[in-house]
N, C-alpha and C. Protein backbone atom coordinates (compact mmCIF):
# COMPACT_ATOMS: atom_id res chain seq x y z
N UNK A 1 -10.13 -2.92 -1.76
CA UNK A 1 -9.03 -2.27 -1.08
C UNK A 1 -8.13 -3.35 -0.49
N UNK A 2 -6.88 -3.33 -0.90
CA UNK A 2 -5.88 -4.25 -0.36
C UNK A 2 -5.04 -3.54 0.68
N UNK A 3 -4.70 -4.23 1.74
CA UNK A 3 -3.75 -3.74 2.73
C UNK A 3 -2.61 -4.75 2.74
N UNK A 4 -1.45 -4.34 2.21
CA UNK A 4 -0.34 -5.25 1.99
C UNK A 4 0.81 -4.89 2.93
N UNK A 5 1.00 -5.71 3.94
CA UNK A 5 2.07 -5.49 4.93
C UNK A 5 2.38 -6.83 5.57
N UNK A 6 3.65 -7.14 5.73
CA UNK A 6 4.02 -8.43 6.31
C UNK A 6 3.95 -8.45 7.83
N UNK A 7 3.82 -7.30 8.47
CA UNK A 7 3.69 -7.23 9.92
C UNK A 7 2.21 -7.39 10.27
N UNK A 8 1.84 -8.53 10.89
CA UNK A 8 0.41 -8.79 11.13
C UNK A 8 -0.25 -7.75 12.04
N UNK A 9 0.49 -7.21 12.99
CA UNK A 9 -0.10 -6.22 13.90
C UNK A 9 -0.35 -4.92 13.17
N UNK A 10 0.63 -4.45 12.40
CA UNK A 10 0.43 -3.21 11.66
C UNK A 10 -0.62 -3.37 10.57
N UNK A 11 -0.61 -4.53 9.90
CA UNK A 11 -1.62 -4.80 8.87
C UNK A 11 -3.02 -4.71 9.47
N UNK A 12 -3.22 -5.31 10.63
CA UNK A 12 -4.52 -5.27 11.30
C UNK A 12 -4.90 -3.84 11.68
N UNK A 13 -3.92 -3.07 12.14
CA UNK A 13 -4.17 -1.67 12.50
C UNK A 13 -4.68 -0.88 11.29
N UNK A 14 -4.05 -1.07 10.14
CA UNK A 14 -4.48 -0.36 8.93
C UNK A 14 -5.87 -0.83 8.51
N UNK A 15 -6.11 -2.12 8.59
CA UNK A 15 -7.45 -2.65 8.26
C UNK A 15 -8.50 -1.99 9.14
N UNK A 16 -8.23 -1.89 10.42
CA UNK A 16 -9.18 -1.26 11.36
C UNK A 16 -9.36 0.22 11.03
N UNK A 17 -8.25 0.92 10.71
CA UNK A 17 -8.34 2.35 10.37
C UNK A 17 -9.23 2.58 9.16
N UNK A 18 -9.18 1.67 8.20
CA UNK A 18 -9.93 1.86 6.95
C UNK A 18 -11.31 1.20 6.94
N UNK A 19 -11.60 0.38 7.93
CA UNK A 19 -12.83 -0.42 7.89
C UNK A 19 -14.11 0.39 8.04
N UNK A 20 -14.01 1.65 8.46
CA UNK A 20 -15.22 2.47 8.57
C UNK A 20 -15.74 2.88 7.20
N UNK A 21 -14.83 2.97 6.22
CA UNK A 21 -15.25 3.44 4.90
C UNK A 21 -15.19 2.36 3.82
N UNK A 22 -14.56 1.24 4.11
CA UNK A 22 -14.42 0.18 3.11
C UNK A 22 -14.21 -1.16 3.81
N UNK A 23 -14.17 -2.22 3.04
CA UNK A 23 -13.91 -3.56 3.59
C UNK A 23 -12.54 -4.01 3.09
N UNK A 24 -11.46 -3.64 3.78
CA UNK A 24 -10.12 -3.97 3.32
C UNK A 24 -9.84 -5.47 3.31
N UNK A 25 -9.03 -5.89 2.33
CA UNK A 25 -8.58 -7.26 2.22
C UNK A 25 -7.10 -7.30 2.59
N UNK A 26 -6.73 -8.00 3.65
CA UNK A 26 -5.32 -8.04 4.04
C UNK A 26 -4.51 -9.01 3.19
N UNK A 27 -3.23 -8.67 3.00
CA UNK A 27 -2.28 -9.54 2.30
C UNK A 27 -0.92 -9.37 2.96
N UNK A 28 -0.22 -10.48 3.16
CA UNK A 28 1.08 -10.44 3.83
C UNK A 28 2.25 -10.42 2.86
N UNK A 29 2.00 -10.76 1.60
CA UNK A 29 3.07 -10.79 0.60
C UNK A 29 2.55 -10.17 -0.69
N UNK A 30 3.47 -9.86 -1.58
CA UNK A 30 3.06 -9.35 -2.88
C UNK A 30 2.32 -10.43 -3.65
N UNK A 31 2.76 -11.67 -3.53
CA UNK A 31 2.07 -12.77 -4.22
C UNK A 31 0.61 -12.85 -3.79
N UNK A 32 0.35 -12.73 -2.48
CA UNK A 32 -1.03 -12.73 -1.98
C UNK A 32 -1.82 -11.57 -2.59
N UNK A 33 -1.20 -10.40 -2.62
CA UNK A 33 -1.86 -9.21 -3.15
C UNK A 33 -2.16 -9.37 -4.64
N UNK A 34 -1.19 -9.89 -5.39
CA UNK A 34 -1.39 -10.05 -6.84
C UNK A 34 -2.54 -11.01 -7.13
N UNK A 35 -2.70 -12.02 -6.29
CA UNK A 35 -3.79 -12.98 -6.48
C UNK A 35 -5.16 -12.34 -6.24
N UNK A 36 -5.18 -11.23 -5.49
CA UNK A 36 -6.44 -10.57 -5.15
C UNK A 36 -6.61 -9.22 -5.83
N UNK A 37 -5.63 -8.78 -6.61
CA UNK A 37 -5.61 -7.42 -7.13
C UNK A 37 -6.69 -7.13 -8.17
N UNK A 38 -7.13 -8.12 -8.90
CA UNK A 38 -8.08 -7.87 -9.99
C UNK A 38 -9.39 -7.23 -9.52
N UNK A 39 -9.88 -7.58 -8.36
CA UNK A 39 -11.13 -7.02 -7.88
C UNK A 39 -10.97 -5.77 -7.05
N UNK A 40 -9.74 -5.34 -6.81
CA UNK A 40 -9.49 -4.21 -5.91
C UNK A 40 -9.42 -2.90 -6.68
N UNK A 41 -9.76 -1.81 -5.99
CA UNK A 41 -9.65 -0.49 -6.60
C UNK A 41 -8.47 0.30 -6.06
N UNK A 42 -7.96 -0.12 -4.89
CA UNK A 42 -6.86 0.60 -4.25
C UNK A 42 -6.05 -0.36 -3.38
N UNK A 43 -4.83 0.09 -3.05
CA UNK A 43 -3.96 -0.71 -2.19
C UNK A 43 -3.12 0.20 -1.31
N UNK A 44 -2.96 -0.21 -0.07
CA UNK A 44 -2.01 0.41 0.84
C UNK A 44 -0.85 -0.57 0.93
N UNK A 45 0.35 -0.13 0.55
CA UNK A 45 1.47 -1.02 0.34
C UNK A 45 2.67 -0.66 1.20
N UNK A 46 3.15 -1.64 1.97
CA UNK A 46 4.42 -1.51 2.69
C UNK A 46 5.55 -1.79 1.69
N UNK A 47 6.72 -1.21 1.91
CA UNK A 47 7.81 -1.37 0.96
C UNK A 47 8.80 -2.48 1.30
N UNK A 48 8.57 -3.19 2.38
CA UNK A 48 9.46 -4.30 2.72
C UNK A 48 8.60 -5.53 2.96
N UNK A 49 8.58 -6.41 1.97
CA UNK A 49 7.79 -7.64 2.04
C UNK A 49 8.72 -8.83 1.84
N UNK A 50 8.30 -10.02 2.22
CA UNK A 50 9.16 -11.19 2.04
C UNK A 50 9.51 -11.46 0.57
N UNK A 51 8.66 -11.03 -0.35
CA UNK A 51 8.90 -11.31 -1.77
C UNK A 51 9.17 -10.07 -2.61
N UNK A 52 9.64 -9.01 -1.97
CA UNK A 52 10.01 -7.82 -2.73
C UNK A 52 10.31 -6.65 -1.82
N UNK A 53 10.89 -5.61 -2.43
CA UNK A 53 11.28 -4.44 -1.65
C UNK A 53 11.29 -3.20 -2.54
N UNK A 54 10.91 -2.08 -1.96
CA UNK A 54 11.06 -0.79 -2.59
C UNK A 54 10.10 -0.53 -3.74
N UNK A 55 10.54 0.37 -4.62
CA UNK A 55 9.71 0.80 -5.74
C UNK A 55 9.39 -0.35 -6.68
N UNK A 56 10.20 -1.40 -6.66
CA UNK A 56 9.90 -2.57 -7.50
C UNK A 56 8.54 -3.17 -7.15
N UNK A 57 8.17 -3.11 -5.88
CA UNK A 57 6.85 -3.61 -5.47
C UNK A 57 5.74 -2.79 -6.14
N UNK A 58 5.93 -1.48 -6.18
CA UNK A 58 4.94 -0.61 -6.82
C UNK A 58 4.84 -0.96 -8.31
N UNK A 59 5.98 -1.10 -8.97
CA UNK A 59 5.98 -1.43 -10.41
C UNK A 59 5.28 -2.76 -10.67
N UNK A 60 5.57 -3.78 -9.86
CA UNK A 60 4.97 -5.10 -10.07
C UNK A 60 3.46 -5.08 -9.82
N UNK A 61 3.05 -4.36 -8.78
CA UNK A 61 1.62 -4.26 -8.49
C UNK A 61 0.91 -3.46 -9.58
N UNK A 62 1.53 -2.37 -10.04
CA UNK A 62 0.97 -1.54 -11.11
C UNK A 62 0.84 -2.36 -12.40
N UNK A 63 1.83 -3.20 -12.71
CA UNK A 63 1.78 -4.01 -13.93
C UNK A 63 0.64 -5.02 -13.87
N UNK A 64 0.38 -5.57 -12.70
CA UNK A 64 -0.68 -6.56 -12.54
C UNK A 64 -2.07 -5.93 -12.52
N UNK A 65 -2.16 -4.70 -12.02
CA UNK A 65 -3.46 -4.03 -11.90
C UNK A 65 -3.27 -2.55 -12.25
N UNK A 66 -3.26 -2.22 -13.53
CA UNK A 66 -2.96 -0.85 -13.97
C UNK A 66 -3.87 0.23 -13.39
N UNK A 67 -5.10 -0.09 -13.10
CA UNK A 67 -6.03 0.91 -12.58
C UNK A 67 -6.02 1.05 -11.07
N UNK A 68 -5.20 0.29 -10.39
CA UNK A 68 -5.16 0.28 -8.93
C UNK A 68 -4.52 1.56 -8.39
N UNK A 69 -5.18 2.22 -7.46
CA UNK A 69 -4.60 3.38 -6.77
C UNK A 69 -3.71 2.84 -5.65
N UNK A 70 -2.42 3.14 -5.71
CA UNK A 70 -1.47 2.59 -4.74
C UNK A 70 -0.97 3.70 -3.82
N UNK A 71 -1.17 3.51 -2.53
CA UNK A 71 -0.63 4.41 -1.52
C UNK A 71 0.43 3.64 -0.76
N UNK A 72 1.66 4.15 -0.80
CA UNK A 72 2.76 3.52 -0.08
C UNK A 72 2.72 4.00 1.36
N UNK A 73 2.85 3.07 2.27
CA UNK A 73 2.90 3.36 3.70
C UNK A 73 4.18 2.72 4.22
N UNK A 74 5.19 3.56 4.48
CA UNK A 74 6.52 3.04 4.76
C UNK A 74 7.13 3.65 6.01
N UNK A 75 8.02 2.91 6.61
CA UNK A 75 8.81 3.42 7.73
C UNK A 75 10.08 4.10 7.26
N UNK A 76 10.36 4.01 5.98
CA UNK A 76 11.59 4.57 5.40
C UNK A 76 11.34 5.97 4.88
N UNK A 77 11.95 6.96 5.53
CA UNK A 77 11.77 8.36 5.15
C UNK A 77 12.96 8.82 4.32
N UNK A 78 12.95 8.46 3.07
CA UNK A 78 14.04 8.81 2.16
C UNK A 78 13.46 9.52 0.94
N UNK A 79 13.98 10.71 0.61
CA UNK A 79 13.49 11.40 -0.59
C UNK A 79 13.67 10.58 -1.86
N UNK A 80 14.75 9.82 -1.94
CA UNK A 80 15.00 9.00 -3.12
C UNK A 80 13.97 7.89 -3.26
N UNK A 81 13.67 7.23 -2.13
CA UNK A 81 12.69 6.15 -2.14
C UNK A 81 11.31 6.71 -2.46
N UNK A 82 10.97 7.83 -1.86
CA UNK A 82 9.68 8.48 -2.12
C UNK A 82 9.54 8.80 -3.61
N UNK A 83 10.54 9.43 -4.19
CA UNK A 83 10.52 9.79 -5.60
C UNK A 83 10.41 8.55 -6.49
N UNK A 84 11.19 7.51 -6.17
CA UNK A 84 11.16 6.28 -6.97
C UNK A 84 9.77 5.64 -6.94
N UNK A 85 9.13 5.65 -5.78
CA UNK A 85 7.79 5.06 -5.67
C UNK A 85 6.76 5.86 -6.45
N UNK A 86 6.83 7.17 -6.37
CA UNK A 86 5.89 8.01 -7.11
C UNK A 86 6.11 7.88 -8.61
N UNK A 87 7.37 7.81 -9.03
CA UNK A 87 7.66 7.62 -10.45
C UNK A 87 7.22 6.24 -10.94
N UNK A 88 7.21 5.25 -10.04
CA UNK A 88 6.78 3.90 -10.41
C UNK A 88 5.26 3.77 -10.48
N UNK A 89 4.54 4.80 -10.02
CA UNK A 89 3.09 4.78 -10.15
C UNK A 89 2.30 4.87 -8.86
N UNK A 90 2.98 5.09 -7.73
CA UNK A 90 2.24 5.27 -6.47
C UNK A 90 1.51 6.60 -6.50
N UNK A 91 0.34 6.61 -5.92
CA UNK A 91 -0.49 7.82 -5.85
C UNK A 91 -0.01 8.74 -4.73
N UNK A 92 0.48 8.13 -3.65
CA UNK A 92 0.94 8.89 -2.49
C UNK A 92 1.95 8.06 -1.71
N UNK A 93 2.73 8.74 -0.90
CA UNK A 93 3.75 8.10 -0.07
C UNK A 93 3.60 8.67 1.33
N UNK A 94 3.21 7.84 2.29
CA UNK A 94 3.01 8.27 3.67
C UNK A 94 3.95 7.51 4.59
N UNK A 95 4.30 8.15 5.71
CA UNK A 95 5.16 7.50 6.70
C UNK A 95 4.33 6.80 7.76
N UNK A 96 4.75 5.60 8.10
CA UNK A 96 4.01 4.80 9.08
C UNK A 96 3.88 5.49 10.43
N UNK A 97 4.91 6.18 10.86
CA UNK A 97 4.91 6.77 12.19
C UNK A 97 3.88 7.85 12.42
N UNK A 98 3.44 8.52 11.38
CA UNK A 98 2.56 9.66 11.59
C UNK A 98 1.24 9.57 10.86
N UNK A 99 0.80 8.38 10.54
CA UNK A 99 -0.42 8.25 9.75
C UNK A 99 -1.60 7.82 10.61
N UNK A 100 -2.77 8.30 10.24
CA UNK A 100 -3.99 7.86 10.88
C UNK A 100 -5.01 7.56 9.79
N UNK A 101 -6.18 7.10 10.20
CA UNK A 101 -7.21 6.73 9.23
C UNK A 101 -7.60 7.87 8.31
N UNK A 102 -7.71 9.09 8.85
CA UNK A 102 -8.11 10.24 8.04
C UNK A 102 -7.06 10.54 6.98
N UNK A 103 -5.79 10.47 7.33
CA UNK A 103 -4.71 10.73 6.36
C UNK A 103 -4.71 9.66 5.27
N UNK A 104 -4.92 8.42 5.66
CA UNK A 104 -4.97 7.35 4.67
C UNK A 104 -6.15 7.52 3.72
N UNK A 105 -7.31 7.81 4.27
CA UNK A 105 -8.50 8.00 3.43
C UNK A 105 -8.34 9.20 2.50
N UNK A 106 -7.71 10.26 2.99
CA UNK A 106 -7.48 11.44 2.15
C UNK A 106 -6.53 11.10 0.99
N UNK A 107 -5.46 10.36 1.28
CA UNK A 107 -4.51 9.97 0.24
C UNK A 107 -5.17 9.07 -0.79
N UNK A 108 -6.01 8.19 -0.35
CA UNK A 108 -6.70 7.27 -1.26
C UNK A 108 -7.74 7.99 -2.11
N UNK A 109 -8.35 9.04 -1.56
CA UNK A 109 -9.41 9.76 -2.26
C UNK A 109 -8.88 10.78 -3.26
N UNK A 110 -7.69 11.29 -3.02
CA UNK A 110 -7.17 12.37 -3.87
C UNK A 110 -6.75 11.89 -5.24
């Protein structure tokens, strides 16, 4: 399980939320995540990273690890962005402001 977010505080929060059911691996950039993606089964992905933005991040991660379940966790509440991410291969799109560990685990399990 990868947790990909450039905000160290939020990344740590997500790691803690998921650590009861898995051992998340944190990554601050897409490059870090791609280097670790081969052994992962899922990823929680922020859409604004130093080395990419938006649905392109989903496409690049999906290309590197086709079997990876990707859940987008974003502060951007836009129907267009949500649709683009889902079309690019994200399994789910959740908003940062209203998510908790149970919602994340449910999205990852579905």
